Amino acid sequence: MPEVKVRKTLVQVETIFHEGGPAPDTPTKRAAAMAVIENPFAGQYVEDIAPFMKDLEPLGAEMAQMCIDALGGDASLIEGYGKGAITGVNGEIEHGALWHVPGGYAMRDAIEKSLAIVPSTKKVGAAGARLDVPITHTNAAYVRTHYDAIEVGIPDAPRPNEIVLVLAMTTGGRVHARIGGLTKDTIKGEDGLR
């Protein structure tokens, strides 16, 4: 398979002190790491693209660490995660789907309590396209306080023959979550759901 050619990376970090209500004792942080890569399949239909997932694994590990570092360097503080991809217009949505395994498992390998499936989204878009990356709790997908999304995008990417790959992590749920349901304090940690 072709080697992964990275044009640039970008990390965005948010620190949320409050959302109009009382400030929590500890602000929530959210980070997204993005990599703009050349799409080796752009402009053509290639039947067997799955082997490229293996080539993306080192980039996934690097980007997971970028998120952890941006959130303070302690993986035990990570409570939420998600992933996504924007494929340039000469590619197809399936090229973004190549990120599912290398992106998701990179985060799960880097975070100790990560039984929950990593939520994902993808689309085809022009340079400057924005993507809402879904976030759920790392160890129990049904923790309602952590249902969230992080909006990402890069003004000059993806170019038509590129893909923007995204990993996102948080140190907590929504700041003023109060709709009930399973909370992080009551996770059983058995099945990735509850």
N, C-alpha and C. Protein backbone atom coordinates (compact mmCIF):
# COMPACT_ATOMS: atom_id res chain seq x y z
N MET A 1 0.84 -1.19 0.00
CA MET A 1 0.00 0.00 0.00
C MET A 1 0.88 1.25 0.00
N PRO A 2 0.33 2.37 -0.44
CA PRO A 2 1.10 3.61 -0.45
C PRO A 2 1.39 4.09 0.97
N GLU A 3 2.51 4.82 1.14
CA GLU A 3 2.81 5.35 2.46
C GLU A 3 1.89 6.52 2.78
N VAL A 4 1.71 6.78 4.07
CA VAL A 4 0.87 7.88 4.50
C VAL A 4 1.66 9.18 4.37
N LYS A 5 1.15 10.10 3.57
CA LYS A 5 1.82 11.39 3.36
C LYS A 5 1.02 12.48 4.07
N VAL A 6 1.60 13.02 5.13
CA VAL A 6 0.94 14.05 5.94
C VAL A 6 1.39 15.43 5.46
N ARG A 7 0.41 16.28 5.14
CA ARG A 7 0.73 17.67 4.77
C ARG A 7 0.85 18.55 6.00
N LYS A 8 -0.04 18.37 6.96
CA LYS A 8 0.02 19.16 8.18
C LYS A 8 -0.83 18.53 9.26
N THR A 9 -0.58 18.96 10.49
CA THR A 9 -1.42 18.57 11.62
C THR A 9 -1.87 19.84 12.34
N LEU A 10 -2.92 19.69 13.10
CA LEU A 10 -3.45 20.81 13.88
C LEU A 10 -4.09 20.24 15.13
N VAL A 11 -3.89 20.91 16.26
CA VAL A 11 -4.54 20.51 17.50
C VAL A 11 -5.32 21.71 18.02
N GLN A 12 -6.58 21.50 18.36
CA GLN A 12 -7.39 22.56 18.97
C GLN A 12 -7.77 22.12 20.37
N VAL A 13 -7.77 23.08 21.29
CA VAL A 13 -8.09 22.79 22.68
C VAL A 13 -9.10 23.83 23.17
N GLU A 14 -10.12 23.36 23.86
CA GLU A 14 -11.10 24.23 24.52
C GLU A 14 -11.03 23.99 26.02
N THR A 15 -11.13 25.05 26.79
CA THR A 15 -11.29 24.93 28.24
C THR A 15 -12.62 25.59 28.57
N ILE A 16 -13.54 24.80 29.14
CA ILE A 16 -14.89 25.28 29.40
C ILE A 16 -15.04 25.55 30.90
N PHE A 17 -15.15 26.83 31.26
CA PHE A 17 -15.25 27.23 32.65
C PHE A 17 -16.68 27.18 33.15
N HIS A 18 -17.64 27.51 32.28
CA HIS A 18 -19.06 27.37 32.60
C HIS A 18 -19.84 27.59 31.31
N GLU A 19 -21.11 27.27 31.34
CA GLU A 19 -21.99 27.47 30.18
C GLU A 19 -23.17 28.35 30.60
N GLY A 20 -22.91 29.29 31.49
CA GLY A 20 -23.95 30.19 31.96
C GLY A 20 -24.43 29.87 33.35
N GLY A 21 -24.12 28.68 33.84
CA GLY A 21 -24.49 28.29 35.19
C GLY A 21 -23.29 28.37 36.12
N PRO A 22 -23.39 27.73 37.27
CA PRO A 22 -22.28 27.78 38.22
C PRO A 22 -21.03 27.10 37.65
N ALA A 23 -19.87 27.69 37.93
CA ALA A 23 -18.61 27.12 37.44
C ALA A 23 -18.28 25.84 38.20
N PRO A 24 -17.88 24.79 37.49
CA PRO A 24 -17.48 23.56 38.19
C PRO A 24 -16.14 23.78 38.91
N ASP A 25 -15.83 22.90 39.84
CA ASP A 25 -14.55 23.00 40.55
C ASP A 25 -13.37 22.90 39.57
N THR A 26 -13.52 22.02 38.59
CA THR A 26 -12.47 21.82 37.59
C THR A 26 -13.06 22.05 36.21
N PRO A 27 -12.51 22.96 35.42
CA PRO A 27 -13.02 23.16 34.06
C PRO A 27 -12.86 21.90 33.22
N THR A 28 -13.76 21.72 32.27
CA THR A 28 -13.66 20.61 31.33
C THR A 28 -12.80 21.05 30.15
N LYS A 29 -11.94 20.14 29.71
CA LYS A 29 -11.13 20.42 28.53
C LYS A 29 -11.52 19.45 27.42
N ARG A 30 -11.48 19.99 26.20
CA ARG A 30 -11.78 19.17 25.01
C ARG A 30 -10.68 19.44 23.98
N ALA A 31 -10.16 18.40 23.38
CA ALA A 31 -9.11 18.56 22.38
C ALA A 31 -9.44 17.72 21.15
N ALA A 32 -9.01 18.23 20.01
CA ALA A 32 -9.12 17.48 18.75
C ALA A 32 -7.79 17.59 18.02
N ALA A 33 -7.28 16.45 17.60
CA ALA A 33 -6.07 16.41 16.78
C ALA A 33 -6.50 16.08 15.35
N MET A 34 -5.99 16.83 14.41
CA MET A 34 -6.32 16.63 13.01
C MET A 34 -5.05 16.44 12.19
N ALA A 35 -5.11 15.57 11.22
CA ALA A 35 -4.01 15.37 10.28
C ALA A 35 -4.58 15.42 8.87
N VAL A 36 -3.91 16.18 8.02
CA VAL A 36 -4.30 16.28 6.61
C VAL A 36 -3.35 15.38 5.83
N ILE A 37 -3.93 14.34 5.22
CA ILE A 37 -3.10 13.39 4.48
C ILE A 37 -3.51 13.35 3.01
N GLU A 38 -2.58 12.92 2.19
CA GLU A 38 -2.88 12.68 0.78
C GLU A 38 -3.78 11.45 0.68
N ASN A 39 -4.81 11.53 -0.14
CA ASN A 39 -5.69 10.39 -0.37
C ASN A 39 -5.14 9.58 -1.54
N PRO A 40 -4.56 8.41 -1.28
CA PRO A 40 -3.96 7.63 -2.36
C PRO A 40 -4.97 7.04 -3.33
N PHE A 41 -6.26 7.12 -3.00
CA PHE A 41 -7.30 6.54 -3.85
C PHE A 41 -8.13 7.60 -4.58
N ALA A 42 -7.78 8.87 -4.41
CA ALA A 42 -8.56 9.95 -5.01
C ALA A 42 -8.58 9.84 -6.53
N GLY A 43 -9.75 10.12 -7.11
CA GLY A 43 -9.89 10.16 -8.56
C GLY A 43 -10.02 8.81 -9.24
N GLN A 44 -10.16 7.75 -8.46
CA GLN A 44 -10.27 6.41 -9.05
C GLN A 44 -11.05 5.49 -8.10
N TYR A 45 -11.59 4.43 -8.67
CA TYR A 45 -12.23 3.43 -7.83
C TYR A 45 -11.24 2.29 -7.63
N VAL A 46 -10.88 2.03 -6.37
CA VAL A 46 -9.97 0.94 -6.03
C VAL A 46 -10.76 -0.04 -5.18
N GLU A 47 -10.82 -1.28 -5.61
CA GLU A 47 -11.62 -2.28 -4.91
C GLU A 47 -11.08 -2.59 -3.51
N ASP A 48 -9.79 -2.87 -3.41
CA ASP A 48 -9.23 -3.31 -2.13
C ASP A 48 -8.46 -2.18 -1.46
N ILE A 49 -9.15 -1.43 -0.61
CA ILE A 49 -8.52 -0.30 0.10
C ILE A 49 -8.20 -0.64 1.55
N ALA A 50 -8.73 -1.74 2.06
CA ALA A 50 -8.61 -2.08 3.48
C ALA A 50 -7.17 -2.16 3.99
N PRO A 51 -6.21 -2.63 3.20
CA PRO A 51 -4.84 -2.70 3.74
C PRO A 51 -4.27 -1.35 4.18
N PHE A 52 -4.81 -0.24 3.65
CA PHE A 52 -4.31 1.09 4.03
C PHE A 52 -4.58 1.39 5.50
N MET A 53 -5.56 0.68 6.10
CA MET A 53 -5.84 0.89 7.52
C MET A 53 -4.60 0.57 8.37
N LYS A 54 -3.90 -0.48 8.02
CA LYS A 54 -2.69 -0.86 8.76
C LYS A 54 -1.65 0.25 8.67
N ASP A 55 -1.53 0.87 7.50
CA ASP A 55 -0.56 1.96 7.31
C ASP A 55 -0.91 3.18 8.15
N LEU A 56 -2.18 3.35 8.47
CA LEU A 56 -2.63 4.50 9.26
C LEU A 56 -2.42 4.32 10.77
N GLU A 57 -2.11 3.11 11.21
CA GLU A 57 -2.00 2.84 12.65
C GLU A 57 -0.97 3.73 13.36
N PRO A 58 0.26 3.90 12.83
CA PRO A 58 1.21 4.78 13.54
C PRO A 58 0.71 6.22 13.66
N LEU A 59 0.04 6.71 12.63
CA LEU A 59 -0.51 8.07 12.70
C LEU A 59 -1.61 8.13 13.75
N GLY A 60 -2.42 7.11 13.85
CA GLY A 60 -3.46 7.07 14.88
C GLY A 60 -2.85 7.15 16.27
N ALA A 61 -1.80 6.37 16.52
CA ALA A 61 -1.14 6.40 17.83
C ALA A 61 -0.55 7.78 18.12
N GLU A 62 0.05 8.39 17.12
CA GLU A 62 0.64 9.72 17.29
C GLU A 62 -0.44 10.76 17.60
N MET A 63 -1.56 10.68 16.89
CA MET A 63 -2.63 11.65 17.11
C MET A 63 -3.32 11.45 18.46
N ALA A 64 -3.46 10.21 18.90
CA ALA A 64 -4.03 9.95 20.23
C ALA A 64 -3.15 10.60 21.29
N GLN A 65 -1.84 10.46 21.15
CA GLN A 65 -0.93 11.07 22.11
C GLN A 65 -0.98 12.59 22.03
N MET A 66 -1.18 13.13 20.83
CA MET A 66 -1.32 14.59 20.68
C MET A 66 -2.51 15.09 21.50
N CYS A 67 -3.62 14.36 21.46
CA CYS A 67 -4.80 14.75 22.25
C CYS A 67 -4.50 14.67 23.74
N ILE A 68 -3.91 13.57 24.16
CA ILE A 68 -3.60 13.38 25.58
C ILE A 68 -2.67 14.50 26.05
N ASP A 69 -1.65 14.79 25.27
CA ASP A 69 -0.71 15.85 25.64
C ASP A 69 -1.41 17.20 25.73
N ALA A 70 -2.31 17.47 24.80
CA ALA A 70 -3.03 18.74 24.79
C ALA A 70 -3.95 18.89 26.00
N LEU A 71 -4.35 17.75 26.58
CA LEU A 71 -5.24 17.77 27.74
C LEU A 71 -4.48 17.61 29.06
N GLY A 72 -3.16 17.77 29.01
CA GLY A 72 -2.37 17.74 30.24
C GLY A 72 -1.40 16.60 30.36
N GLY A 73 -1.45 15.63 29.45
CA GLY A 73 -0.48 14.55 29.45
C GLY A 73 -0.82 13.33 30.28
N ASP A 74 -1.92 13.33 30.98
CA ASP A 74 -2.31 12.21 31.84
C ASP A 74 -3.51 11.50 31.24
N ALA A 75 -3.30 10.34 30.65
CA ALA A 75 -4.38 9.60 29.98
C ALA A 75 -5.48 9.18 30.93
N SER A 76 -5.18 9.09 32.23
CA SER A 76 -6.22 8.68 33.18
C SER A 76 -7.28 9.77 33.37
N LEU A 77 -7.02 10.99 32.90
CA LEU A 77 -7.99 12.08 33.00
C LEU A 77 -9.01 12.08 31.85
N ILE A 78 -8.76 11.27 30.82
CA ILE A 78 -9.62 11.27 29.64
C ILE A 78 -10.90 10.51 29.95
N GLU A 79 -12.05 11.17 29.70
CA GLU A 79 -13.36 10.55 29.96
C GLU A 79 -14.22 10.40 28.71
N GLY A 80 -13.92 11.15 27.66
CA GLY A 80 -14.74 11.08 26.46
C GLY A 80 -13.88 11.01 25.22
N TYR A 81 -14.43 10.41 24.14
CA TYR A 81 -13.69 10.37 22.88
C TYR A 81 -14.60 10.20 21.68
N GLY A 82 -14.03 10.49 20.51
CA GLY A 82 -14.74 10.34 19.25
C GLY A 82 -13.75 10.51 18.11
N LYS A 83 -14.20 10.19 16.90
CA LYS A 83 -13.31 10.30 15.74
C LYS A 83 -14.11 10.69 14.51
N GLY A 84 -13.41 11.12 13.47
CA GLY A 84 -14.09 11.49 12.24
C GLY A 84 -13.12 11.70 11.11
N ALA A 85 -13.68 11.92 9.92
CA ALA A 85 -12.86 12.15 8.74
C ALA A 85 -13.66 12.96 7.72
N ILE A 86 -12.94 13.84 7.02
CA ILE A 86 -13.51 14.57 5.89
C ILE A 86 -12.68 14.22 4.67
N THR A 87 -13.30 13.59 3.70
CA THR A 87 -12.62 13.22 2.46
C THR A 87 -12.83 14.33 1.44
N GLY A 88 -11.74 14.71 0.76
CA GLY A 88 -11.84 15.72 -0.30
C GLY A 88 -12.70 15.23 -1.44
N VAL A 89 -13.14 16.16 -2.30
CA VAL A 89 -14.16 15.88 -3.30
C VAL A 89 -13.72 14.92 -4.41
N ASN A 90 -12.45 14.62 -4.55
CA ASN A 90 -12.03 13.62 -5.52
C ASN A 90 -12.01 12.22 -4.92
N GLY A 91 -12.41 12.12 -3.67
CA GLY A 91 -12.46 10.82 -3.01
C GLY A 91 -13.89 10.43 -2.72
N GLU A 92 -14.04 9.40 -1.90
CA GLU A 92 -15.38 8.92 -1.55
C GLU A 92 -15.46 8.72 -0.04
N ILE A 93 -16.67 8.65 0.46
CA ILE A 93 -16.87 8.53 1.90
C ILE A 93 -16.19 7.28 2.46
N GLU A 94 -16.08 6.24 1.68
CA GLU A 94 -15.43 5.01 2.14
C GLU A 94 -13.95 5.22 2.46
N HIS A 95 -13.34 6.20 1.82
CA HIS A 95 -11.94 6.49 2.13
C HIS A 95 -11.83 7.06 3.54
N GLY A 96 -12.81 7.82 3.98
CA GLY A 96 -12.84 8.31 5.36
C GLY A 96 -13.11 7.18 6.35
N ALA A 97 -13.87 6.18 5.91
CA ALA A 97 -14.17 5.04 6.77
C ALA A 97 -12.92 4.22 7.11
N LEU A 98 -11.87 4.37 6.33
CA LEU A 98 -10.61 3.69 6.63
C LEU A 98 -10.07 4.07 8.00
N TRP A 99 -10.51 5.18 8.56
CA TRP A 99 -10.03 5.69 9.83
C TRP A 99 -10.65 4.99 11.03
N HIS A 100 -11.75 4.25 10.82
CA HIS A 100 -12.45 3.61 11.95
C HIS A 100 -11.52 2.79 12.83
N VAL A 101 -10.84 1.85 12.27
CA VAL A 101 -10.01 0.94 13.06
C VAL A 101 -8.73 1.61 13.57
N PRO A 102 -7.90 2.20 12.71
CA PRO A 102 -6.66 2.78 13.25
C PRO A 102 -6.88 3.96 14.18
N GLY A 103 -7.90 4.77 13.94
CA GLY A 103 -8.17 5.89 14.83
C GLY A 103 -8.78 5.46 16.14
N GLY A 104 -9.78 4.60 16.06
CA GLY A 104 -10.47 4.14 17.27
C GLY A 104 -9.59 3.32 18.19
N TYR A 105 -8.90 2.35 17.63
CA TYR A 105 -8.06 1.50 18.48
C TYR A 105 -6.86 2.25 19.02
N ALA A 106 -6.37 3.26 18.33
CA ALA A 106 -5.27 4.06 18.86
C ALA A 106 -5.69 4.73 20.16
N MET A 107 -6.91 5.28 20.19
CA MET A 107 -7.38 5.91 21.42
C MET A 107 -7.65 4.88 22.51
N ARG A 108 -8.27 3.79 22.13
CA ARG A 108 -8.58 2.76 23.13
C ARG A 108 -7.31 2.17 23.73
N ASP A 109 -6.26 2.04 22.91
CA ASP A 109 -4.99 1.52 23.42
C ASP A 109 -4.30 2.51 24.35
N ALA A 110 -4.54 3.80 24.15
CA ALA A 110 -3.86 4.84 24.94
C ALA A 110 -4.59 5.17 26.24
N ILE A 111 -5.85 4.74 26.36
CA ILE A 111 -6.67 5.09 27.53
C ILE A 111 -7.02 3.80 28.26
N GLU A 112 -6.73 3.76 29.55
CA GLU A 112 -6.91 2.54 30.32
C GLU A 112 -8.36 2.04 30.34
N LYS A 113 -9.30 2.90 30.71
CA LYS A 113 -10.70 2.48 30.81
C LYS A 113 -11.43 2.92 29.54
N SER A 114 -11.41 2.03 28.55
CA SER A 114 -11.97 2.40 27.24
C SER A 114 -12.67 1.22 26.59
N LEU A 115 -13.67 0.69 27.27
CA LEU A 115 -14.43 -0.43 26.73
C LEU A 115 -15.47 -0.01 25.70
N ALA A 116 -15.88 1.25 25.73
CA ALA A 116 -16.95 1.71 24.84
C ALA A 116 -16.45 1.88 23.41
N ILE A 117 -17.33 1.59 22.48
CA ILE A 117 -17.01 1.82 21.07
C ILE A 117 -16.79 3.32 20.88
N VAL A 118 -15.87 3.67 19.97
CA VAL A 118 -15.57 5.08 19.71
C VAL A 118 -16.56 5.58 18.65
N PRO A 119 -17.39 6.57 18.99
CA PRO A 119 -18.35 7.06 17.99
C PRO A 119 -17.61 7.77 16.86
N SER A 120 -18.27 7.82 15.70
CA SER A 120 -17.58 8.33 14.53
C SER A 120 -18.54 9.01 13.57
N THR A 121 -17.97 9.89 12.76
CA THR A 121 -18.70 10.49 11.66
C THR A 121 -17.74 10.75 10.52
N LYS A 122 -18.26 10.85 9.32
CA LYS A 122 -17.42 11.12 8.16
C LYS A 122 -18.27 11.72 7.07
N LYS A 123 -17.61 12.43 6.15
CA LYS A 123 -18.31 12.98 5.01
C LYS A 123 -17.31 13.35 3.94
N VAL A 124 -17.83 13.66 2.76
CA VAL A 124 -17.03 14.22 1.68
C VAL A 124 -17.28 15.71 1.69
N GLY A 125 -16.20 16.51 1.58
CA GLY A 125 -16.37 17.95 1.63
C GLY A 125 -15.21 18.68 0.98
N ALA A 126 -15.44 19.94 0.70
CA ALA A 126 -14.42 20.81 0.10
C ALA A 126 -13.56 21.42 1.20
N ALA A 127 -12.49 22.10 0.81
CA ALA A 127 -11.62 22.78 1.77
C ALA A 127 -12.44 23.71 2.66
N GLY A 128 -12.17 23.65 3.94
CA GLY A 128 -12.90 24.47 4.90
C GLY A 128 -14.14 23.81 5.46
N ALA A 129 -14.49 22.63 4.98
CA ALA A 129 -15.67 21.93 5.49
C ALA A 129 -15.51 21.69 6.99
N ARG A 130 -16.62 21.78 7.70
CA ARG A 130 -16.64 21.56 9.14
C ARG A 130 -17.26 20.19 9.41
N LEU A 131 -16.88 19.60 10.53
CA LEU A 131 -17.38 18.28 10.91
C LEU A 131 -17.70 18.29 12.39
N ASP A 132 -18.88 17.81 12.76
CA ASP A 132 -19.23 17.62 14.16
C ASP A 132 -18.85 16.19 14.55
N VAL A 133 -17.84 16.07 15.39
CA VAL A 133 -17.34 14.76 15.82
C VAL A 133 -18.09 14.37 17.10
N PRO A 134 -18.83 13.26 17.07
CA PRO A 134 -19.58 12.85 18.26
C PRO A 134 -18.65 12.38 19.37
N ILE A 135 -19.06 12.63 20.60
CA ILE A 135 -18.29 12.24 21.78
C ILE A 135 -19.18 11.41 22.69
N THR A 136 -18.64 10.32 23.22
CA THR A 136 -19.31 9.56 24.28
C THR A 136 -18.27 9.19 25.33
N HIS A 137 -18.74 8.68 26.46
CA HIS A 137 -17.84 8.27 27.53
C HIS A 137 -16.93 7.14 27.04
N THR A 138 -15.70 7.11 27.50
CA THR A 138 -14.73 6.12 27.04
C THR A 138 -15.03 4.70 27.51
N ASN A 139 -15.71 4.56 28.63
CA ASN A 139 -15.87 3.23 29.20
C ASN A 139 -17.30 2.73 29.23
N ALA A 140 -18.26 3.60 28.95
CA ALA A 140 -19.67 3.20 28.98
C ALA A 140 -20.46 4.13 28.06
N ALA A 141 -20.87 3.62 26.94
CA ALA A 141 -21.52 4.44 25.91
C ALA A 141 -22.84 5.07 26.36
N TYR A 142 -23.48 4.52 27.39
CA TYR A 142 -24.77 5.04 27.82
C TYR A 142 -24.70 6.14 28.87
N VAL A 143 -23.52 6.66 29.16
CA VAL A 143 -23.39 7.75 30.13
C VAL A 143 -23.85 9.03 29.46
N ARG A 144 -25.07 9.47 29.79
CA ARG A 144 -25.70 10.61 29.10
C ARG A 144 -24.94 11.92 29.28
N THR A 145 -24.29 12.10 30.41
CA THR A 145 -23.58 13.36 30.67
C THR A 145 -22.47 13.62 29.66
N HIS A 146 -22.02 12.58 28.98
CA HIS A 146 -20.89 12.71 28.07
C HIS A 146 -21.32 12.71 26.59
N TYR A 147 -22.64 12.67 26.31
CA TYR A 147 -23.10 12.80 24.92
C TYR A 147 -22.80 14.23 24.48
N ASP A 148 -21.93 14.38 23.51
CA ASP A 148 -21.49 15.70 23.11
C ASP A 148 -20.96 15.64 21.69
N ALA A 149 -20.43 16.74 21.22
CA ALA A 149 -19.79 16.80 19.91
C ALA A 149 -18.77 17.93 19.92
N ILE A 150 -17.75 17.77 19.13
CA ILE A 150 -16.73 18.79 18.95
C ILE A 150 -16.70 19.16 17.47
N GLU A 151 -16.87 20.44 17.16
CA GLU A 151 -16.82 20.89 15.77
C GLU A 151 -15.37 21.16 15.38
N VAL A 152 -14.97 20.61 14.24
CA VAL A 152 -13.60 20.79 13.76
C VAL A 152 -13.60 21.18 12.29
N GLY A 153 -12.48 21.69 11.85
CA GLY A 153 -12.29 22.01 10.45
C GLY A 153 -10.97 22.75 10.27
N ILE A 154 -10.47 22.75 9.06
CA ILE A 154 -9.23 23.42 8.71
C ILE A 154 -9.52 24.25 7.46
N PRO A 155 -9.23 25.55 7.47
CA PRO A 155 -9.60 26.41 6.35
C PRO A 155 -9.12 25.93 4.96
N ASP A 156 -7.93 25.35 4.87
CA ASP A 156 -7.42 24.96 3.56
C ASP A 156 -7.42 23.45 3.34
N ALA A 157 -8.27 22.73 4.06
CA ALA A 157 -8.30 21.27 3.92
C ALA A 157 -9.71 20.75 4.16
N PRO A 158 -10.07 19.63 3.53
CA PRO A 158 -9.20 18.87 2.63
C PRO A 158 -9.21 19.44 1.21
N ARG A 159 -8.05 19.44 0.60
CA ARG A 159 -8.00 19.73 -0.83
C ARG A 159 -8.61 18.52 -1.54
N PRO A 160 -8.93 18.62 -2.83
CA PRO A 160 -9.66 17.54 -3.50
C PRO A 160 -9.04 16.15 -3.35
N ASN A 161 -7.71 16.06 -3.27
CA ASN A 161 -7.05 14.76 -3.17
C ASN A 161 -6.55 14.46 -1.77
N GLU A 162 -7.20 15.01 -0.76
CA GLU A 162 -6.77 14.81 0.62
C GLU A 162 -7.88 14.25 1.50
N ILE A 163 -7.48 13.85 2.70
CA ILE A 163 -8.42 13.45 3.75
C ILE A 163 -7.97 14.14 5.04
N VAL A 164 -8.92 14.70 5.78
CA VAL A 164 -8.65 15.21 7.12
C VAL A 164 -9.09 14.12 8.10
N LEU A 165 -8.16 13.63 8.89
CA LEU A 165 -8.44 12.62 9.91
C LEU A 165 -8.52 13.31 11.26
N VAL A 166 -9.47 12.91 12.10
CA VAL A 166 -9.70 13.60 13.37
C VAL A 166 -9.83 12.59 14.52
N LEU A 167 -9.16 12.89 15.63
CA LEU A 167 -9.40 12.22 16.91
C LEU A 167 -9.75 13.30 17.92
N ALA A 168 -10.69 13.01 18.81
CA ALA A 168 -11.11 13.99 19.80
C ALA A 168 -11.24 13.32 21.16
N MET A 169 -10.87 14.07 22.21
CA MET A 169 -10.96 13.57 23.58
C MET A 169 -11.42 14.70 24.50
N THR A 170 -12.02 14.31 25.63
CA THR A 170 -12.44 15.29 26.64
C THR A 170 -12.04 14.79 28.03
N THR A 171 -11.98 15.74 28.96
CA THR A 171 -11.70 15.38 30.36
C THR A 171 -12.97 15.29 31.20
N GLY A 172 -14.11 15.43 30.56
CA GLY A 172 -15.37 15.34 31.29
C GLY A 172 -16.56 15.44 30.36
N GLY A 173 -17.72 15.41 30.96
CA GLY A 173 -18.95 15.53 30.19
C GLY A 173 -19.35 16.99 30.03
N ARG A 174 -20.60 17.19 29.63
CA ARG A 174 -21.11 18.55 29.50
C ARG A 174 -21.07 19.24 30.87
N VAL A 175 -20.67 20.47 30.93
CA VAL A 175 -20.44 21.16 32.19
C VAL A 175 -21.69 21.20 33.07
N HIS A 176 -22.84 21.47 32.49
CA HIS A 176 -24.06 21.58 33.30
C HIS A 176 -25.04 20.45 32.98
N ALA A 177 -24.54 19.24 32.75
CA ALA A 177 -25.40 18.10 32.44
C ALA A 177 -26.36 17.85 33.60
N ARG A 178 -27.65 17.71 33.26
CA ARG A 178 -28.64 17.49 34.31
C ARG A 178 -29.91 16.84 33.76
N ILE A 179 -29.75 15.88 32.84
CA ILE A 179 -30.92 15.22 32.26
C ILE A 179 -31.12 13.81 32.79
N GLY A 180 -30.34 13.42 33.81
CA GLY A 180 -30.53 12.11 34.42
C GLY A 180 -29.84 11.00 33.66
N GLY A 181 -30.19 9.77 34.00
CA GLY A 181 -29.60 8.60 33.36
C GLY A 181 -28.31 8.17 34.03
N LEU A 182 -27.63 7.25 33.39
CA LEU A 182 -26.38 6.70 33.91
C LEU A 182 -25.33 7.80 34.05
N THR A 183 -24.62 7.81 35.16
CA THR A 183 -23.54 8.77 35.38
C THR A 183 -22.22 8.03 35.49
N LYS A 184 -21.12 8.74 35.38
CA LYS A 184 -19.81 8.09 35.42
C LYS A 184 -19.56 7.42 36.76
N ASP A 185 -20.20 7.89 37.83
CA ASP A 185 -20.03 7.29 39.16
C ASP A 185 -20.68 5.91 39.27
N THR A 186 -21.62 5.59 38.38
CA THR A 186 -22.34 4.32 38.48
C THR A 186 -22.01 3.35 37.35
N ILE A 187 -20.93 3.60 36.63
CA ILE A 187 -20.51 2.68 35.55
C ILE A 187 -20.09 1.34 36.13
N LYS A 188 -20.59 0.26 35.53
CA LYS A 188 -20.17 -1.07 35.93
C LYS A 188 -18.87 -1.48 35.22
N GLY A 189 -18.67 -0.97 34.01
CA GLY A 189 -17.43 -1.26 33.28
C GLY A 189 -17.28 -2.68 32.82
N GLU A 190 -18.40 -3.32 32.44
CA GLU A 190 -18.35 -4.72 32.03
C GLU A 190 -18.47 -4.92 30.52
N ASP A 191 -19.26 -4.07 29.86
CA ASP A 191 -19.58 -4.36 28.47
C ASP A 191 -19.40 -3.17 27.52
N GLY A 192 -18.88 -2.06 28.01
CA GLY A 192 -18.72 -0.89 27.17
C GLY A 192 -20.00 -0.09 26.98
N LEU A 193 -21.09 -0.55 27.55
CA LEU A 193 -22.38 0.13 27.44
C LEU A 193 -22.76 0.79 28.75
N ARG A 194 -22.72 0.03 29.83
CA ARG A 194 -23.15 0.50 31.15
C ARG A 194 -22.01 0.32 32.13
